[in-house]
Amino acid sequence: MATPKRGKNEPPPPIIVKKITVVAGGHHGGAWKVAYADFVTAMMAFFLLLWILGATTEKQRKGIADYFTPTLVKTREASAGSAAGVLGGSSLVDADNYPHQAGQTGTRAMTIPRDATGGPKEGGTKIKRTARAKQAIQQKLASSEALRRLAKQVRLVDTTEGVRIDMVDDANFSMFRLGTTILTPDASELLRAIADAVGQDAGSLTIRGHTDALPWRAGMSGNNWSLSAGRAEATRQALMSDGIAESRFRRIEGVADRELLIPNDPADPRNRRISITLLD
C-alpha cells in the first residue's frame, strides 16, 4: 500500500511508542506476604510462650529454663580451675559457678562421692565403712608377731562391690591340707584375726574359693569345682565359729581354676586362694 503524500505545510505524523510492563505476583507484588508470614509466626510463638507460662508449675518452668541455660562446657570455662594456661585460673578447690552447685563449696567433698546418707562436707557411710574395715584388718594383722608373719599372705583389694580380702597360698603356706577342705592351724589363726577385725561391721560377706589347675590323681573322687566350693563353705563355718553372724553371709562360690591369679602358670600355688568380700 503506497504512503499518502503530504503537503508542503503539513506536519509529520506523531510516533507512538507502546511500553508494556509485566508485573509478577499480582497487583501489589508478593513481598508483603513474606513480612506478614514472619509477623504471624512471631505472634504465634509469643502466645505459645504466654500459654506455657500460664499452664505450667514453678518446678516445670525451672526445668524449661535449665534446658536453655549455657552448656557446662561454656560454664566451666569461667569456673574453678585454670582457664588460660597453667596459672591462668583459680584454684581447683574454689566453688564452681554451675547453675546448681548442689552444696559444693570448694571443699574436698567435690572429689568424694556421696550416697543417700552423705553430706557436702563428708563422704558417704559406705566409703567410711570400707576404709574402717581395711584399717581394722591391717591393725589386727600387725598386733602380734605370728599375725605379722601371716600378713604377707593377705591382700586387700578395693572393688566395685567393696573391699576384698584375698588369702593366698604360696610354696611355704597353705590354707588347707592338700586336696581337702580341712583348714591348717595357720589358716584358722588368720581367719580368727579377720573375724575379729570385721566382726563389729554390719556389712554382708561373700566367700569365693579358688584352686590351681593341677589335675586330680587317678582313682580319686572329686574335682576342683567341688573342692573350691567346699573350701568356701569351710571358711564360712570357721568365720561363724569365730563370731560372725550367719545372717551376714550373702553367698559362697567355688570357681575352681577359672579365675587364676597367675594365668601364665596355672599350677602356681598362688592360684589357690580364698577371697572374702566385705560388701558396701
C-alpha atoms as a PDB file:
ATOM      1  CA  MET A   1       0.000   0.000   0.000  1.00  0.00           C
ATOM      2  CA  ALA A   2       1.502   3.349  -1.002  1.00  0.00           C
ATOM      3  CA  THR A   3       2.218   6.041   1.574  1.00  0.00           C
ATOM      4  CA  PRO A   4      -0.054   9.081   1.064  1.00  0.00           C
ATOM      5  CA  LYS A   5       1.688  12.205   0.005  1.00  0.00           C
ATOM      6  CA  ARG A   6       1.892  15.137   2.405  1.00  0.00           C
ATOM      7  CA  GLY A   7       1.503  18.667   1.625  1.00  0.00           C
ATOM      8  CA  LYS A   8       4.310  21.136   1.980  1.00  0.00           C
ATOM      9  CA  ASN A   9       2.941  22.752   5.098  1.00  0.00           C
ATOM     10  CA  GLU A  10       1.532  19.562   6.720  1.00  0.00           C
ATOM     11  CA  PRO A  11       3.443  18.383   9.864  1.00  0.00           C
ATOM     12  CA  PRO A  12       4.733  14.780  10.045  1.00  0.00           C
ATOM     13  CA  PRO A  13       2.510  12.278  11.869  1.00  0.00           C
ATOM     14  CA  PRO A  14       3.395  11.615  15.583  1.00  0.00           C
ATOM     15  CA  ILE A  15       5.379   8.474  16.531  1.00  0.00           C
ATOM     16  CA  ILE A  16       3.571   6.452  19.154  1.00  0.00           C
ATOM     17  CA  VAL A  17       5.694   4.082  21.356  1.00  0.00           C
ATOM     18  CA  LYS A  18       3.725   1.471  23.311  1.00  0.00           C
ATOM     19  CA  LYS A  19       5.522   0.308  26.542  1.00  0.00           C
ATOM     20  CA  ILE A  20       4.341  -2.960  28.061  1.00  0.00           C
ATOM     21  CA  THR A  21       5.314  -3.684  31.738  1.00  0.00           C
ATOM     22  CA  VAL A  22       4.966  -7.248  33.040  1.00  0.00           C
ATOM     23  CA  VAL A  23       4.230  -7.360  36.816  1.00  0.00           C
ATOM     24  CA  ALA A  24       4.766 -10.704  38.580  1.00  0.00           C
ATOM     25  CA  GLY A  25       2.793 -11.791  41.645  1.00  0.00           C
ATOM     26  CA  GLY A  26      -0.301  -9.734  41.390  1.00  0.00           C
ATOM     27  CA  HIS A  27      -1.191  -6.112  41.522  1.00  0.00           C
ATOM     28  CA  HIS A  28       0.995  -5.162  44.559  1.00  0.00           C
ATOM     29  CA  GLY A  29       3.756  -7.850  44.322  1.00  0.00           C
ATOM     30  CA  GLY A  30       4.472 -10.679  46.860  1.00  0.00           C
ATOM     31  CA  ALA A  31       6.999  -9.169  49.293  1.00  0.00           C
ATOM     32  CA  TRP A  32       4.267  -8.225  51.780  1.00  0.00           C
ATOM     33  CA  LYS A  33       3.297 -11.859  52.120  1.00  0.00           C
ATOM     34  CA  VAL A  34       6.721 -12.803  53.474  1.00  0.00           C
ATOM     35  CA  ALA A  35       6.641  -9.999  56.028  1.00  0.00           C
ATOM     36  CA  TYR A  36       3.127 -10.954  57.082  1.00  0.00           C
ATOM     37  CA  ALA A  37       4.115 -14.608  57.498  1.00  0.00           C
ATOM     38  CA  ASP A  38       7.026 -13.582  59.753  1.00  0.00           C
ATOM     39  CA  PHE A  39       4.683 -11.449  61.830  1.00  0.00           C
ATOM     40  CA  VAL A  40       2.148 -14.266  62.239  1.00  0.00           C
ATOM     41  CA  THR A  41       4.892 -16.709  63.226  1.00  0.00           C
ATOM     42  CA  ALA A  42       6.253 -14.302  65.852  1.00  0.00           C
ATOM     43  CA  MET A  43       2.771 -13.730  67.274  1.00  0.00           C
ATOM     44  CA  MET A  44       2.123 -17.476  67.436  1.00  0.00           C
ATOM     45  CA  ALA A  45       5.411 -18.010  69.309  1.00  0.00           C
ATOM     46  CA  PHE A  46       4.534 -15.180  71.687  1.00  0.00           C
ATOM     47  CA  PHE A  47       1.098 -16.564  72.502  1.00  0.00           C
ATOM     48  CA  LEU A  48       2.595 -20.039  72.899  1.00  0.00           C
ATOM     49  CA  LEU A  49       5.032 -18.619  75.453  1.00  0.00           C
ATOM     50  CA  LEU A  50       2.180 -16.971  77.354  1.00  0.00           C
ATOM     51  CA  TRP A  51       0.265 -20.252  77.356  1.00  0.00           C
ATOM     52  CA  ILE A  52       3.254 -22.182  78.694  1.00  0.00           C
ATOM     53  CA  LEU A  53       3.779 -19.662  81.486  1.00  0.00           C
ATOM     54  CA  GLY A  54       0.138 -19.964  82.499  1.00  0.00           C
ATOM     55  CA  ALA A  55      -0.205 -23.750  82.186  1.00  0.00           C
ATOM     56  CA  THR A  56       2.959 -24.939  83.977  1.00  0.00           C
ATOM     57  CA  THR A  57       4.086 -25.109  87.585  1.00  0.00           C
ATOM     58  CA  GLU A  58       7.101 -23.351  89.038  1.00  0.00           C
ATOM     59  CA  LYS A  59       9.075 -26.601  89.011  1.00  0.00           C
ATOM     60  CA  GLN A  60       8.247 -27.224  85.344  1.00  0.00           C
ATOM     61  CA  ARG A  61       9.215 -23.673  84.388  1.00  0.00           C
ATOM     62  CA  LYS A  62      12.517 -24.145  86.192  1.00  0.00           C
ATOM     63  CA  GLY A  63      13.161 -27.278  84.167  1.00  0.00           C
ATOM     64  CA  ILE A  64      12.431 -25.418  80.935  1.00  0.00           C
ATOM     65  CA  ALA A  65      14.773 -22.610  81.978  1.00  0.00           C
ATOM     66  CA  ASP A  66      17.531 -25.093  82.753  1.00  0.00           C
ATOM     67  CA  TYR A  67      17.167 -26.548  79.278  1.00  0.00           C
ATOM     68  CA  PHE A  68      18.089 -23.201  77.728  1.00  0.00           C
ATOM     69  CA  THR A  69      20.949 -22.364  80.108  1.00  0.00           C
ATOM     70  CA  PRO A  70      24.553 -22.372  78.773  1.00  0.00           C
ATOM     71  CA  THR A  71      26.206 -25.743  78.432  1.00  0.00           C
ATOM     72  CA  LEU A  72      28.531 -26.990  81.172  1.00  0.00           C
ATOM     73  CA  VAL A  73      31.466 -26.669  78.782  1.00  0.00           C
ATOM     74  CA  LYS A  74      30.959 -22.901  78.450  1.00  0.00           C
ATOM     75  CA  THR A  75      30.117 -22.541  82.113  1.00  0.00           C
ATOM     76  CA  ARG A  76      33.267 -24.400  83.110  1.00  0.00           C
ATOM     77  CA  GLU A  77      35.421 -22.008  81.104  1.00  0.00           C
ATOM     78  CA  ALA A  78      34.731 -19.345  83.726  1.00  0.00           C
ATOM     79  CA  SER A  79      34.626 -21.695  86.688  1.00  0.00           C
ATOM     80  CA  ALA A  80      37.150 -23.145  89.109  1.00  0.00           C
ATOM     81  CA  GLY A  81      40.428 -24.317  87.677  1.00  0.00           C
ATOM     82  CA  SER A  82      42.854 -22.906  85.151  1.00  0.00           C
ATOM     83  CA  ALA A  83      41.149 -21.396  82.103  1.00  0.00           C
ATOM     84  CA  ALA A  84      44.067 -19.705  80.359  1.00  0.00           C
ATOM     85  CA  GLY A  85      47.234 -21.653  80.886  1.00  0.00           C
ATOM     86  CA  VAL A  86      48.886 -23.218  83.896  1.00  0.00           C
ATOM     87  CA  LEU A  87      48.474 -20.162  86.138  1.00  0.00           C
ATOM     88  CA  GLY A  88      45.559 -18.568  84.334  1.00  0.00           C
ATOM     89  CA  GLY A  89      42.659 -19.661  86.523  1.00  0.00           C
ATOM     90  CA  SER A  90      41.516 -20.001  90.082  1.00  0.00           C
ATOM     91  CA  SER A  91      42.143 -22.944  92.354  1.00  0.00           C
ATOM     92  CA  LEU A  92      40.611 -26.337  91.629  1.00  0.00           C
ATOM     93  CA  VAL A  93      39.050 -26.306  95.079  1.00  0.00           C
ATOM     94  CA  ASP A  94      37.240 -22.994  94.521  1.00  0.00           C
ATOM     95  CA  ALA A  95      33.464 -23.112  94.333  1.00  0.00           C
ATOM     96  CA  ASP A  96      32.258 -23.567  90.784  1.00  0.00           C
ATOM     97  CA  ASN A  97      29.616 -21.392  89.115  1.00  0.00           C
ATOM     98  CA  TYR A  98      27.313 -24.088  87.785  1.00  0.00           C
ATOM     99  CA  PRO A  99      23.594 -23.198  87.843  1.00  0.00           C
ATOM    100  CA  HIS A 100      23.020 -25.815  90.560  1.00  0.00           C
ATOM    101  CA  GLN A 101      26.062 -26.289  92.767  1.00  0.00           C
ATOM    102  CA  ALA A 102      24.355 -28.924  94.924  1.00  0.00           C
ATOM    103  CA  GLY A 103      26.159 -27.804  98.035  1.00  0.00           C
ATOM    104  CA  GLN A 104      29.649 -27.774  96.508  1.00  0.00           C
ATOM    105  CA  THR A 105      31.539 -25.167  98.457  1.00  0.00           C
ATOM    106  CA  GLY A 106      35.115 -25.635  97.347  1.00  0.00           C
ATOM    107  CA  THR A 107      35.881 -28.322  99.900  1.00  0.00           C
ATOM    108  CA  ARG A 108      37.404 -31.727  99.309  1.00  0.00           C
ATOM    109  CA  ALA A 109      33.845 -33.077  99.030  1.00  0.00           C
ATOM    110  CA  MET A 110      33.885 -32.296  95.314  1.00  0.00           C
ATOM    111  CA  THR A 111      36.054 -35.396  94.827  1.00  0.00           C
ATOM    112  CA  ILE A 112      34.235 -37.655  97.295  1.00  0.00           C
ATOM    113  CA  PRO A 113      31.106 -39.468  96.059  1.00  0.00           C
ATOM    114  CA  ARG A 114      28.104 -39.263  98.292  1.00  0.00           C
ATOM    115  CA  ASP A 115      25.431 -41.850  98.955  1.00  0.00           C
ATOM    116  CA  ALA A 116      21.973 -41.265 100.372  1.00  0.00           C
ATOM    117  CA  THR A 117      23.333 -40.502 103.839  1.00  0.00           C
ATOM    118  CA  GLY A 118      26.299 -38.337 102.821  1.00  0.00           C
ATOM    119  CA  GLY A 119      26.673 -34.588 103.047  1.00  0.00           C
ATOM    120  CA  PRO A 120      28.510 -31.898 101.121  1.00  0.00           C
ATOM    121  CA  LYS A 121      31.418 -31.965 103.576  1.00  0.00           C
ATOM    122  CA  GLU A 122      31.673 -35.668 104.292  1.00  0.00           C
ATOM    123  CA  GLY A 123      31.915 -38.899 102.361  1.00  0.00           C
ATOM    124  CA  GLY A 124      29.161 -41.482 102.341  1.00  0.00           C
ATOM    125  CA  THR A 125      28.819 -44.060 105.092  1.00  0.00           C
ATOM    126  CA  LYS A 126      29.683 -46.858 102.669  1.00  0.00           C
ATOM    127  CA  ILE A 127      33.077 -45.351 101.863  1.00  0.00           C
ATOM    128  CA  LYS A 128      33.779 -44.763 105.538  1.00  0.00           C
ATOM    129  CA  ARG A 129      32.819 -48.337 106.405  1.00  0.00           C
ATOM    130  CA  THR A 130      35.146 -49.781 103.763  1.00  0.00           C
ATOM    131  CA  ALA A 131      38.016 -47.613 104.979  1.00  0.00           C
ATOM    132  CA  ARG A 132      37.367 -48.601 108.592  1.00  0.00           C
ATOM    133  CA  ALA A 133      37.320 -52.288 107.681  1.00  0.00           C
ATOM    134  CA  LYS A 134      40.645 -52.060 105.863  1.00  0.00           C
ATOM    135  CA  GLN A 135      42.210 -50.170 108.744  1.00  0.00           C
ATOM    136  CA  ALA A 136      40.881 -52.656 111.302  1.00  0.00           C
ATOM    137  CA  ILE A 137      42.251 -55.630 109.347  1.00  0.00           C
ATOM    138  CA  GLN A 138      45.662 -54.011 108.913  1.00  0.00           C
ATOM    139  CA  GLN A 139      45.874 -53.146 112.599  1.00  0.00           C
ATOM    140  CA  LYS A 140      44.830 -56.649 113.643  1.00  0.00           C
ATOM    141  CA  LEU A 141      47.410 -58.306 111.395  1.00  0.00           C
ATOM    142  CA  ALA A 142      50.093 -56.099 112.911  1.00  0.00           C
ATOM    143  CA  SER A 143      49.078 -56.821 116.510  1.00  0.00           C
ATOM    144  CA  SER A 144      51.310 -59.877 117.051  1.00  0.00           C
ATOM    145  CA  GLU A 145      54.425 -61.487 115.668  1.00  0.00           C
ATOM    146  CA  ALA A 146      52.523 -64.559 114.451  1.00  0.00           C
ATOM    147  CA  LEU A 147      49.973 -62.449 112.573  1.00  0.00           C
ATOM    148  CA  ARG A 148      52.680 -60.215 111.102  1.00  0.00           C
ATOM    149  CA  ARG A 149      54.257 -63.359 109.698  1.00  0.00           C
ATOM    150  CA  LEU A 150      50.944 -64.393 108.138  1.00  0.00           C
ATOM    151  CA  ALA A 151      50.079 -60.878 106.928  1.00  0.00           C
ATOM    152  CA  LYS A 152      52.097 -61.360 103.748  1.00  0.00           C
ATOM    153  CA  GLN A 153      49.521 -63.940 102.657  1.00  0.00           C
ATOM    154  CA  VAL A 154      46.730 -61.348 102.834  1.00  0.00           C
ATOM    155  CA  ARG A 155      45.915 -58.850 100.089  1.00  0.00           C
ATOM    156  CA  LEU A 156      43.313 -56.099 100.475  1.00  0.00           C
ATOM    157  CA  VAL A 157      41.756 -55.052  97.173  1.00  0.00           C
ATOM    158  CA  ASP A 158      39.172 -52.296  96.590  1.00  0.00           C
ATOM    159  CA  THR A 159      36.438 -53.456  94.202  1.00  0.00           C
ATOM    160  CA  THR A 160      33.119 -52.076  92.978  1.00  0.00           C
ATOM    161  CA  GLU A 161      31.377 -54.342  95.489  1.00  0.00           C
ATOM    162  CA  GLY A 162      33.519 -53.463  98.496  1.00  0.00           C
ATOM    163  CA  VAL A 163      36.873 -54.419  99.995  1.00  0.00           C
ATOM    164  CA  ARG A 164      38.090 -57.916  99.052  1.00  0.00           C
ATOM    165  CA  ILE A 165      40.343 -59.887 101.368  1.00  0.00           C
ATOM    166  CA  ASP A 166      42.446 -62.405  99.437  1.00  0.00           C
ATOM    167  CA  MET A 167      44.239 -65.118 101.447  1.00  0.00           C
ATOM    168  CA  VAL A 168      46.767 -66.565  99.028  1.00  0.00           C
ATOM    169  CA  ASP A 169      48.767 -69.788  99.239  1.00  0.00           C
ATOM    170  CA  ASP A 170      52.424 -69.966  98.314  1.00  0.00           C
ATOM    171  CA  ALA A 171      55.241 -72.506  98.495  1.00  0.00           C
ATOM    172  CA  ASN A 172      55.501 -72.103 102.291  1.00  0.00           C
ATOM    173  CA  PHE A 173      51.881 -71.570 103.253  1.00  0.00           C
ATOM    174  CA  SER A 174      48.621 -73.344 102.546  1.00  0.00           C
ATOM    175  CA  MET A 175      45.120 -72.511 103.702  1.00  0.00           C
ATOM    176  CA  PHE A 176      44.005 -76.148 103.504  1.00  0.00           C
ATOM    177  CA  ARG A 177      45.569 -79.552 103.691  1.00  0.00           C
ATOM    178  CA  LEU A 178      46.351 -80.892 100.251  1.00  0.00           C
ATOM    179  CA  GLY A 179      43.239 -81.930  98.332  1.00  0.00           C
ATOM    180  CA  THR A 180      40.913 -81.421 101.324  1.00  0.00           C
ATOM    181  CA  THR A 181      38.650 -78.817 102.916  1.00  0.00           C
ATOM    182  CA  ILE A 182      40.453 -79.020 106.284  1.00  0.00           C
ATOM    183  CA  LEU A 183      41.950 -75.699 107.401  1.00  0.00           C
ATOM    184  CA  THR A 184      45.559 -75.607 108.543  1.00  0.00           C
ATOM    185  CA  PRO A 185      46.342 -74.132 112.006  1.00  0.00           C
ATOM    186  CA  ASP A 186      47.859 -71.010 110.421  1.00  0.00           C
ATOM    187  CA  ALA A 187      44.758 -70.508 108.280  1.00  0.00           C
ATOM    188  CA  SER A 188      42.492 -70.865 111.306  1.00  0.00           C
ATOM    189  CA  GLU A 189      44.521 -68.219 113.155  1.00  0.00           C
ATOM    190  CA  LEU A 190      44.349 -65.915 110.157  1.00  0.00           C
ATOM    191  CA  LEU A 191      40.567 -66.290 109.830  1.00  0.00           C
ATOM    192  CA  ARG A 192      40.172 -65.671 113.551  1.00  0.00           C
ATOM    193  CA  ALA A 193      42.003 -62.361 113.198  1.00  0.00           C
ATOM    194  CA  ILE A 194      39.896 -61.332 110.205  1.00  0.00           C
ATOM    195  CA  ALA A 195      36.671 -62.259 112.006  1.00  0.00           C
ATOM    196  CA  ASP A 196      37.733 -60.150 114.965  1.00  0.00           C
ATOM    197  CA  ALA A 197      38.563 -57.188 112.700  1.00  0.00           C
ATOM    198  CA  VAL A 198      35.277 -57.169 110.757  1.00  0.00           C
ATOM    199  CA  GLY A 199      33.047 -58.546 113.499  1.00  0.00           C
ATOM    200  CA  GLN A 200      31.735 -55.132 114.544  1.00  0.00           C
ATOM    201  CA  ASP A 201      30.856 -54.190 110.966  1.00  0.00           C
ATOM    202  CA  ALA A 202      27.327 -54.664 109.662  1.00  0.00           C
ATOM    203  CA  GLY A 203      28.266 -55.311 106.037  1.00  0.00           C
ATOM    204  CA  SER A 204      27.377 -58.525 104.238  1.00  0.00           C
ATOM    205  CA  LEU A 205      30.039 -61.026 103.199  1.00  0.00           C
ATOM    206  CA  THR A 206      30.665 -63.210 100.169  1.00  0.00           C
ATOM    207  CA  ILE A 207      33.236 -66.008 100.041  1.00  0.00           C
ATOM    208  CA  ARG A 208      34.834 -67.389  96.881  1.00  0.00           C
ATOM    209  CA  GLY A 209      37.103 -70.417  96.691  1.00  0.00           C
ATOM    210  CA  HIS A 210      39.842 -70.795  94.053  1.00  0.00           C
ATOM    211  CA  THR A 211      42.090 -73.729  93.157  1.00  0.00           C
ATOM    212  CA  ASP A 212      45.082 -74.209  90.878  1.00  0.00           C
ATOM    213  CA  ALA A 213      44.809 -76.214  87.670  1.00  0.00           C
ATOM    214  CA  LEU A 214      46.646 -79.334  88.815  1.00  0.00           C
ATOM    215  CA  PRO A 215      44.702 -82.481  87.815  1.00  0.00           C
ATOM    216  CA  TRP A 216      43.461 -84.928  90.415  1.00  0.00           C
ATOM    217  CA  ARG A 217      45.226 -88.237  90.821  1.00  0.00           C
ATOM    218  CA  ALA A 218      43.659 -91.200  89.081  1.00  0.00           C
ATOM    219  CA  GLY A 219      41.176 -93.080  91.231  1.00  0.00           C
ATOM    220  CA  MET A 220      40.347 -90.111  93.472  1.00  0.00           C
ATOM    221  CA  SER A 221      36.743 -88.964  93.535  1.00  0.00           C
ATOM    222  CA  GLY A 222      36.299 -85.230  93.337  1.00  0.00           C
ATOM    223  CA  ASN A 223      37.191 -82.251  91.188  1.00  0.00           C
ATOM    224  CA  ASN A 224      38.321 -78.672  91.514  1.00  0.00           C
ATOM    225  CA  TRP A 225      34.745 -77.366  91.354  1.00  0.00           C
ATOM    226  CA  SER A 226      33.594 -79.269  94.403  1.00  0.00           C
ATOM    227  CA  LEU A 227      36.909 -78.618  96.178  1.00  0.00           C
ATOM    228  CA  SER A 228      36.733 -74.833  95.713  1.00  0.00           C
ATOM    229  CA  ALA A 229      33.086 -74.709  96.827  1.00  0.00           C
ATOM    230  CA  GLY A 230      33.837 -76.936  99.830  1.00  0.00           C
ATOM    231  CA  ARG A 231      36.721 -74.719 100.892  1.00  0.00           C
ATOM    232  CA  ALA A 232      34.495 -71.635 100.646  1.00  0.00           C
ATOM    233  CA  GLU A 233      31.942 -73.358 102.900  1.00  0.00           C
ATOM    234  CA  ALA A 234      34.666 -74.422 105.353  1.00  0.00           C
ATOM    235  CA  THR A 235      35.794 -70.785 105.522  1.00  0.00           C
ATOM    236  CA  ARG A 236      32.222 -69.672 106.250  1.00  0.00           C
ATOM    237  CA  GLN A 237      31.897 -72.219 109.038  1.00  0.00           C
ATOM    238  CA  ALA A 238      35.186 -71.060 110.568  1.00  0.00           C
ATOM    239  CA  LEU A 239      34.120 -67.390 110.491  1.00  0.00           C
ATOM    240  CA  MET A 240      30.803 -68.275 112.121  1.00  0.00           C
ATOM    241  CA  SER A 241      32.588 -70.147 114.902  1.00  0.00           C
ATOM    242  CA  ASP A 242      34.749 -67.028 115.381  1.00  0.00           C
ATOM    243  CA  GLY A 243      31.707 -64.817 115.964  1.00  0.00           C
ATOM    244  CA  ILE A 244      30.425 -63.702 112.541  1.00  0.00           C
ATOM    245  CA  ALA A 245      26.614 -63.906 112.423  1.00  0.00           C
ATOM    246  CA  GLU A 246      25.170 -66.365 109.920  1.00  0.00           C
ATOM    247  CA  SER A 247      22.822 -63.679 108.553  1.00  0.00           C
ATOM    248  CA  ARG A 248      25.761 -61.614 107.238  1.00  0.00           C
ATOM    249  CA  PHE A 249      26.741 -64.138 104.581  1.00  0.00           C
ATOM    250  CA  ARG A 250      25.288 -63.221 101.179  1.00  0.00           C
ATOM    251  CA  ARG A 251      26.672 -66.123  99.118  1.00  0.00           C
ATOM    252  CA  ILE A 252      29.520 -68.588  98.789  1.00  0.00           C
ATOM    253  CA  GLU A 253      31.050 -69.620  95.461  1.00  0.00           C
ATOM    254  CA  GLY A 254      33.512 -72.125  94.087  1.00  0.00           C
ATOM    255  CA  VAL A 255      35.106 -71.182  90.770  1.00  0.00           C
ATOM    256  CA  ALA A 256      37.765 -73.930  90.565  1.00  0.00           C
ATOM    257  CA  ASP A 257      40.666 -72.820  88.341  1.00  0.00           C
ATOM    258  CA  ARG A 258      38.649 -70.435  86.129  1.00  0.00           C
ATOM    259  CA  GLU A 259      39.970 -67.215  87.704  1.00  0.00           C
ATOM    260  CA  LEU A 260      43.708 -67.785  88.018  1.00  0.00           C
ATOM    261  CA  LEU A 261      45.797 -65.245  89.859  1.00  0.00           C
ATOM    262  CA  ILE A 262      48.854 -66.291  87.802  1.00  0.00           C
ATOM    263  CA  PRO A 263      47.402 -67.043  84.345  1.00  0.00           C
ATOM    264  CA  ASN A 264      50.806 -67.812  82.824  1.00  0.00           C
ATOM    265  CA  ASP A 265      51.372 -70.649  85.326  1.00  0.00           C
ATOM    266  CA  PRO A 266      48.121 -72.492  86.126  1.00  0.00           C
ATOM    267  CA  ALA A 267      49.966 -74.807  88.539  1.00  0.00           C
ATOM    268  CA  ASP A 268      51.399 -71.950  90.636  1.00  0.00           C
ATOM    269  CA  PRO A 269      50.353 -72.397  94.297  1.00  0.00           C
ATOM    270  CA  ARG A 270      49.344 -68.709  94.455  1.00  0.00           C
ATOM    271  CA  ASN A 271      46.329 -69.603  92.329  1.00  0.00           C
ATOM    272  CA  ARG A 272      44.958 -71.394  95.403  1.00  0.00           C
ATOM    273  CA  ARG A 273      43.233 -68.765  97.498  1.00  0.00           C
ATOM    274  CA  ILE A 274      40.125 -67.772  99.435  1.00  0.00           C
ATOM    275  CA  SER A 275      38.525 -64.392  98.697  1.00  0.00           C
ATOM    276  CA  ILE A 276      36.264 -62.759 101.293  1.00  0.00           C
ATOM    277  CA  THR A 277      34.471 -59.609 100.132  1.00  0.00           C
ATOM    278  CA  LEU A 278      33.018 -57.188 102.643  1.00  0.00           C
ATOM    279  CA  LEU A 279      30.170 -55.700 100.639  1.00  0.00           C
ATOM    280  CA  ASP A 280      29.335 -51.992 100.709  1.00  0.00           C
END
